[in-house]
Amino acid sequence: MNLKRGAGSGAANVVYRTAYIFFEKKRILEGGKKTKKRLDNEKTQGRQGFPLRHDNGMRRVIVGIRT
């Protein structure tokens, strides 16, 4: 279960990037303009957009005992 919430929380999902590209191409073909929210996000995040990897800093170490 994905418990991430908020803007850009799904950017680590492979479907996010694929859907983004699809809808961006569709918008361009239809001659649509960028929404105010889209322009605000680009201003905040830069042209690269949201980070595609979310690293929460957690690490797992498995320690075993050899016999």
PDB file of N, CA and C in Angstrom:
ATOM      1  N   MET A   1       0.844  -1.177   0.000  1.00  0.00           N
ATOM      2  CA  MET A   1       0.000   0.000   0.000  1.00  0.00           C
ATOM      3  C   MET A   1       0.890   1.242   0.000  1.00  0.00           C
ATOM      4  N   ASN A   2       0.578   2.185  -0.846  1.00  0.00           N
ATOM      5  CA  ASN A   2       1.341   3.420  -0.946  1.00  0.00           C
ATOM      6  C   ASN A   2       0.708   4.466  -0.036  1.00  0.00           C
ATOM      7  N   LEU A   3       1.438   4.896   0.984  1.00  0.00           N
ATOM      8  CA  LEU A   3       0.900   5.860   1.943  1.00  0.00           C
ATOM      9  C   LEU A   3       1.365   7.286   1.676  1.00  0.00           C
ATOM     10  N   LYS A   4       2.034   7.505   0.566  1.00  0.00           N
ATOM     11  CA  LYS A   4       2.503   8.850   0.246  1.00  0.00           C
ATOM     12  C   LYS A   4       1.301   9.732  -0.084  1.00  0.00           C
ATOM     13  N   ARG A   5       1.357  10.966   0.361  1.00  0.00           N
ATOM     14  CA  ARG A   5       0.268  11.906   0.128  1.00  0.00           C
ATOM     15  C   ARG A   5       0.846  13.235  -0.351  1.00  0.00           C
ATOM     16  N   GLY A   6       0.026  14.017  -1.029  1.00  0.00           N
ATOM     17  CA  GLY A   6       0.419  15.359  -1.412  1.00  0.00           C
ATOM     18  C   GLY A   6       0.876  15.463  -2.856  1.00  0.00           C
ATOM     19  N   ALA A   7       1.168  16.688  -3.252  1.00  0.00           N
ATOM     20  CA  ALA A   7       1.582  16.963  -4.621  1.00  0.00           C
ATOM     21  C   ALA A   7       2.879  16.245  -4.944  1.00  0.00           C
ATOM     22  N   GLY A   8       2.891  15.552  -6.054  1.00  0.00           N
ATOM     23  CA  GLY A   8       4.097  14.864  -6.496  1.00  0.00           C
ATOM     24  C   GLY A   8       4.360  13.552  -5.802  1.00  0.00           C
ATOM     25  N   SER A   9       3.459  13.113  -4.938  1.00  0.00           N
ATOM     26  CA  SER A   9       3.711  11.894  -4.170  1.00  0.00           C
ATOM     27  C   SER A   9       3.736  10.653  -5.052  1.00  0.00           C
ATOM     28  N   GLY A  10       3.051  10.679  -6.177  1.00  0.00           N
ATOM     29  CA  GLY A  10       3.027   9.515  -7.061  1.00  0.00           C
ATOM     30  C   GLY A  10       4.095   9.543  -8.131  1.00  0.00           C
ATOM     31  N   ALA A  11       4.969  10.533  -8.109  1.00  0.00           N
ATOM     32  CA  ALA A  11       5.964  10.694  -9.162  1.00  0.00           C
ATOM     33  C   ALA A  11       6.946   9.539  -9.236  1.00  0.00           C
ATOM     34  N   ALA A  12       7.111   8.781  -8.167  1.00  0.00           N
ATOM     35  CA  ALA A  12       8.025   7.646  -8.176  1.00  0.00           C
ATOM     36  C   ALA A  12       7.413   6.454  -8.906  1.00  0.00           C
ATOM     37  N   ASN A  13       6.121   6.472  -9.141  1.00  0.00           N
ATOM     38  CA  ASN A  13       5.433   5.384  -9.823  1.00  0.00           C
ATOM     39  C   ASN A  13       5.708   5.477 -11.320  1.00  0.00           C
ATOM     40  N   VAL A  14       6.001   4.345 -11.963  1.00  0.00           N
ATOM     41  CA  VAL A  14       6.321   4.330 -13.392  1.00  0.00           C
ATOM     42  C   VAL A  14       5.145   4.831 -14.233  1.00  0.00           C
ATOM     43  N   VAL A  15       3.935   4.639 -13.771  1.00  0.00           N
ATOM     44  CA  VAL A  15       2.755   5.088 -14.509  1.00  0.00           C
ATOM     45  C   VAL A  15       2.683   6.609 -14.550  1.00  0.00           C
ATOM     46  N   TYR A  16       3.173   7.276 -13.521  1.00  0.00           N
ATOM     47  CA  TYR A  16       3.137   8.739 -13.446  1.00  0.00           C
ATOM     48  C   TYR A  16       3.827   9.358 -14.660  1.00  0.00           C
ATOM     49  N   ARG A  17       5.052   8.938 -14.911  1.00  0.00           N
ATOM     50  CA  ARG A  17       5.833   9.512 -16.015  1.00  0.00           C
ATOM     51  C   ARG A  17       5.174   9.209 -17.359  1.00  0.00           C
ATOM     52  N   THR A  18       4.719   7.969 -17.540  1.00  0.00           N
ATOM     53  CA  THR A  18       4.083   7.572 -18.796  1.00  0.00           C
ATOM     54  C   THR A  18       2.806   8.370 -19.039  1.00  0.00           C
ATOM     55  N   ALA A  19       1.981   8.495 -18.022  1.00  0.00           N
ATOM     56  CA  ALA A  19       0.733   9.254 -18.154  1.00  0.00           C
ATOM     57  C   ALA A  19       1.017  10.734 -18.393  1.00  0.00           C
ATOM     58  N   TYR A  20       2.025  11.258 -17.710  1.00  0.00           N
ATOM     59  CA  TYR A  20       2.387  12.662 -17.883  1.00  0.00           C
ATOM     60  C   TYR A  20       2.747  12.937 -19.344  1.00  0.00           C
ATOM     61  N   ILE A  21       3.584  12.089 -19.919  1.00  0.00           N
ATOM     62  CA  ILE A  21       4.007  12.272 -21.309  1.00  0.00           C
ATOM     63  C   ILE A  21       2.802  12.186 -22.246  1.00  0.00           C
ATOM     64  N   PHE A  22       1.947  11.179 -22.023  1.00  0.00           N
ATOM     65  CA  PHE A  22       0.759  11.014 -22.860  1.00  0.00           C
ATOM     66  C   PHE A  22      -0.120  12.260 -22.841  1.00  0.00           C
ATOM     67  N   PHE A  23      -0.461  12.736 -21.653  1.00  0.00           N
ATOM     68  CA  PHE A  23      -1.372  13.876 -21.546  1.00  0.00           C
ATOM     69  C   PHE A  23      -0.718  15.185 -21.988  1.00  0.00           C
ATOM     70  N   GLU A  24       0.583  15.287 -21.847  1.00  0.00           N
ATOM     71  CA  GLU A  24       1.276  16.482 -22.339  1.00  0.00           C
ATOM     72  C   GLU A  24       1.235  16.523 -23.867  1.00  0.00           C
ATOM     73  N   LYS A  25       1.478  15.382 -24.508  1.00  0.00           N
ATOM     74  CA  LYS A  25       1.398  15.323 -25.972  1.00  0.00           C
ATOM     75  C   LYS A  25      -0.024  15.601 -26.447  1.00  0.00           C
ATOM     76  N   LYS A  26      -1.008  15.061 -25.738  1.00  0.00           N
ATOM     77  CA  LYS A  26      -2.420  15.292 -26.073  1.00  0.00           C
ATOM     78  C   LYS A  26      -2.755  16.779 -25.959  1.00  0.00           C
ATOM     79  N   ARG A  27      -2.291  17.413 -24.889  1.00  0.00           N
ATOM     80  CA  ARG A  27      -2.546  18.842 -24.692  1.00  0.00           C
ATOM     81  C   ARG A  27      -1.958  19.654 -25.844  1.00  0.00           C
ATOM     82  N   ILE A  28      -0.732  19.319 -26.243  1.00  0.00           N
ATOM     83  CA  ILE A  28      -0.065  20.051 -27.323  1.00  0.00           C
ATOM     84  C   ILE A  28      -0.804  19.854 -28.644  1.00  0.00           C
ATOM     85  N   LEU A  29      -1.189  18.597 -28.952  1.00  0.00           N
ATOM     86  CA  LEU A  29      -1.906  18.319 -30.200  1.00  0.00           C
ATOM     87  C   LEU A  29      -3.244  19.047 -30.270  1.00  0.00           C
ATOM     88  N   GLU A  30      -3.916  19.152 -29.137  1.00  0.00           N
ATOM     89  CA  GLU A  30      -5.216  19.823 -29.102  1.00  0.00           C
ATOM     90  C   GLU A  30      -5.084  21.339 -28.984  1.00  0.00           C
ATOM     91  N   GLY A  31      -3.862  21.829 -28.852  1.00  0.00           N
ATOM     92  CA  GLY A  31      -3.640  23.268 -28.765  1.00  0.00           C
ATOM     93  C   GLY A  31      -4.017  23.860 -27.423  1.00  0.00           C
ATOM     94  N   GLY A  32      -4.071  23.021 -26.397  1.00  0.00           N
ATOM     95  CA  GLY A  32      -4.437  23.495 -25.059  1.00  0.00           C
ATOM     96  C   GLY A  32      -3.316  24.288 -24.408  1.00  0.00           C
ATOM     97  N   LYS A  33      -3.695  25.137 -23.483  1.00  0.00           N
ATOM     98  CA  LYS A  33      -2.709  25.930 -22.751  1.00  0.00           C
ATOM     99  C   LYS A  33      -2.436  25.288 -21.406  1.00  0.00           C
ATOM    100  N   LYS A  34      -1.309  25.624 -20.834  1.00  0.00           N
ATOM    101  CA  LYS A  34      -0.964  25.125 -19.505  1.00  0.00           C
ATOM    102  C   LYS A  34      -1.857  25.808 -18.472  1.00  0.00           C
ATOM    103  N   THR A  35      -2.315  25.020 -17.493  1.00  0.00           N
ATOM    104  CA  THR A  35      -3.179  25.567 -16.448  1.00  0.00           C
ATOM    105  C   THR A  35      -2.356  26.396 -15.464  1.00  0.00           C
ATOM    106  N   LYS A  36      -3.050  27.199 -14.666  1.00  0.00           N
ATOM    107  CA  LYS A  36      -2.377  28.012 -13.656  1.00  0.00           C
ATOM    108  C   LYS A  36      -1.636  27.115 -12.667  1.00  0.00           C
ATOM    109  N   LYS A  37      -2.273  26.021 -12.264  1.00  0.00           N
ATOM    110  CA  LYS A  37      -1.631  25.091 -11.324  1.00  0.00           C
ATOM    111  C   LYS A  37      -0.359  24.501 -11.937  1.00  0.00           C
ATOM    112  N   ARG A  38      -0.419  24.163 -13.209  1.00  0.00           N
ATOM    113  CA  ARG A  38       0.737  23.606 -13.918  1.00  0.00           C
ATOM    114  C   ARG A  38       1.875  24.620 -13.949  1.00  0.00           C
ATOM    115  N   LEU A  39       1.558  25.870 -14.267  1.00  0.00           N
ATOM    116  CA  LEU A  39       2.574  26.920 -14.317  1.00  0.00           C
ATOM    117  C   LEU A  39       3.186  27.166 -12.937  1.00  0.00           C
ATOM    118  N   ASP A  40       2.349  27.132 -11.893  1.00  0.00           N
ATOM    119  CA  ASP A  40       2.851  27.297 -10.521  1.00  0.00           C
ATOM    120  C   ASP A  40       3.795  26.159 -10.141  1.00  0.00           C
ATOM    121  N   ASN A  41       3.430  24.916 -10.506  1.00  0.00           N
ATOM    122  CA  ASN A  41       4.297  23.773 -10.217  1.00  0.00           C
ATOM    123  C   ASN A  41       5.629  23.887 -10.947  1.00  0.00           C
ATOM    124  N   GLU A  42       5.597  24.304 -12.208  1.00  0.00           N
ATOM    125  CA  GLU A  42       6.841  24.470 -12.965  1.00  0.00           C
ATOM    126  C   GLU A  42       7.710  25.555 -12.342  1.00  0.00           C
ATOM    127  N   LYS A  43       7.065  26.605 -11.850  1.00  0.00           N
ATOM    128  CA  LYS A  43       7.815  27.688 -11.208  1.00  0.00           C
ATOM    129  C   LYS A  43       8.476  27.189  -9.922  1.00  0.00           C
ATOM    130  N   THR A  44       7.743  26.378  -9.155  1.00  0.00           N
ATOM    131  CA  THR A  44       8.251  25.856  -7.884  1.00  0.00           C
ATOM    132  C   THR A  44       9.301  24.772  -8.095  1.00  0.00           C
ATOM    133  N   GLN A  45       9.011  23.814  -8.976  1.00  0.00           N
ATOM    134  CA  GLN A  45       9.867  22.635  -9.153  1.00  0.00           C
ATOM    135  C   GLN A  45      10.939  22.821 -10.219  1.00  0.00           C
ATOM    136  N   GLY A  46      10.801  23.816 -11.052  1.00  0.00           N
ATOM    137  CA  GLY A  46      11.736  23.982 -12.160  1.00  0.00           C
ATOM    138  C   GLY A  46      11.266  23.175 -13.366  1.00  0.00           C
ATOM    139  N   ARG A  47      12.001  23.232 -14.444  1.00  0.00           N
ATOM    140  CA  ARG A  47      11.591  22.550 -15.673  1.00  0.00           C
ATOM    141  C   ARG A  47      11.690  21.033 -15.572  1.00  0.00           C
ATOM    142  N   GLN A  48      12.452  20.539 -14.612  1.00  0.00           N
ATOM    143  CA  GLN A  48      12.589  19.090 -14.451  1.00  0.00           C
ATOM    144  C   GLN A  48      11.372  18.467 -13.773  1.00  0.00           C
ATOM    145  N   GLY A  49      10.543  19.254 -13.116  1.00  0.00           N
ATOM    146  CA  GLY A  49       9.344  18.738 -12.468  1.00  0.00           C
ATOM    147  C   GLY A  49       9.631  18.093 -11.124  1.00  0.00           C
ATOM    148  N   PHE A  50       8.690  17.274 -10.691  1.00  0.00           N
ATOM    149  CA  PHE A  50       8.817  16.615  -9.395  1.00  0.00           C
ATOM    150  C   PHE A  50       9.924  15.568  -9.436  1.00  0.00           C
ATOM    151  N   PRO A  51      10.585  15.339  -8.310  1.00  0.00           N
ATOM    152  CA  PRO A  51      11.578  14.262  -8.252  1.00  0.00           C
ATOM    153  C   PRO A  51      10.896  12.923  -8.544  1.00  0.00           C
ATOM    154  N   LEU A  52      11.547  12.091  -9.332  1.00  0.00           N
ATOM    155  CA  LEU A  52      10.952  10.813  -9.690  1.00  0.00           C
ATOM    156  C   LEU A  52      11.304   9.717  -8.698  1.00  0.00           C
ATOM    157  N   ARG A  53      12.078  10.047  -7.691  1.00  0.00           N
ATOM    158  CA  ARG A  53      12.429   9.065  -6.666  1.00  0.00           C
ATOM    159  C   ARG A  53      12.220   9.703  -5.306  1.00  0.00           C
ATOM    160  N   HIS A  54      11.550   8.984  -4.434  1.00  0.00           N
ATOM    161  CA  HIS A  54      11.314   9.467  -3.082  1.00  0.00           C
ATOM    162  C   HIS A  54      12.113   8.600  -2.128  1.00  0.00           C
ATOM    163  N   ASP A  55      13.142   9.153  -1.559  1.00  0.00           N
ATOM    164  CA  ASP A  55      13.987   8.416  -0.629  1.00  0.00           C
ATOM    165  C   ASP A  55      13.666   8.898   0.777  1.00  0.00           C
ATOM    166  N   ASN A  56      13.059   8.035   1.565  1.00  0.00           N
ATOM    167  CA  ASN A  56      12.681   8.428   2.919  1.00  0.00           C
ATOM    168  C   ASN A  56      13.810   8.233   3.923  1.00  0.00           C
ATOM    169  N   GLY A  57      14.973   7.805   3.457  1.00  0.00           N
ATOM    170  CA  GLY A  57      16.130   7.658   4.330  1.00  0.00           C
ATOM    171  C   GLY A  57      16.178   6.352   5.098  1.00  0.00           C
ATOM    172  N   MET A  58      15.152   5.532   4.964  1.00  0.00           N
ATOM    173  CA  MET A  58      15.138   4.270   5.699  1.00  0.00           C
ATOM    174  C   MET A  58      16.018   3.238   5.000  1.00  0.00           C
ATOM    175  N   ARG A  59      16.747   2.484   5.781  1.00  0.00           N
ATOM    176  CA  ARG A  59      17.590   1.411   5.261  1.00  0.00           C
ATOM    177  C   ARG A  59      17.290   0.142   6.042  1.00  0.00           C
ATOM    178  N   ARG A  60      17.407  -0.975   5.387  1.00  0.00           N
ATOM    179  CA  ARG A  60      17.209  -2.261   6.057  1.00  0.00           C
ATOM    180  C   ARG A  60      18.518  -3.032   6.014  1.00  0.00           C
ATOM    181  N   VAL A  61      18.901  -3.547   7.139  1.00  0.00           N
ATOM    182  CA  VAL A  61      20.112  -4.353   7.237  1.00  0.00           C
ATOM    183  C   VAL A  61      19.709  -5.702   7.811  1.00  0.00           C
ATOM    184  N   ILE A  62      20.063  -6.744   7.090  1.00  0.00           N
ATOM    185  CA  ILE A  62      19.752  -8.088   7.561  1.00  0.00           C
ATOM    186  C   ILE A  62      21.037  -8.697   8.105  1.00  0.00           C
ATOM    187  N   VAL A  63      20.979  -9.079   9.348  1.00  0.00           N
ATOM    188  CA  VAL A  63      22.144  -9.656  10.008  1.00  0.00           C
ATOM    189  C   VAL A  63      21.822 -11.105  10.334  1.00  0.00           C
ATOM    190  N   GLY A  64      22.685 -11.981   9.889  1.00  0.00           N
ATOM    191  CA  GLY A  64      22.473 -13.399  10.164  1.00  0.00           C
ATOM    192  C   GLY A  64      23.643 -13.964  10.955  1.00  0.00           C
ATOM    193  N   ILE A  65      23.391 -15.075  11.577  1.00  0.00           N
ATOM    194  CA  ILE A  65      24.435 -15.752  12.346  1.00  0.00           C
ATOM    195  C   ILE A  65      24.813 -17.016  11.592  1.00  0.00           C
ATOM    196  N   ARG A  66      26.102 -17.156  11.308  1.00  0.00           N
ATOM    197  CA  ARG A  66      26.577 -18.367  10.639  1.00  0.00           C
ATOM    198  C   ARG A  66      26.872 -19.433  11.680  1.00  0.00           C
ATOM    199  N   THR A  67      26.463 -20.632  11.379  1.00  0.00           N
ATOM    200  CA  THR A  67      26.750 -21.732  12.306  1.00  0.00           C
ATOM    201  C   THR A  67      27.625 -22.766  11.661  1.00  0.00           C
TER     202      THR A  67
END
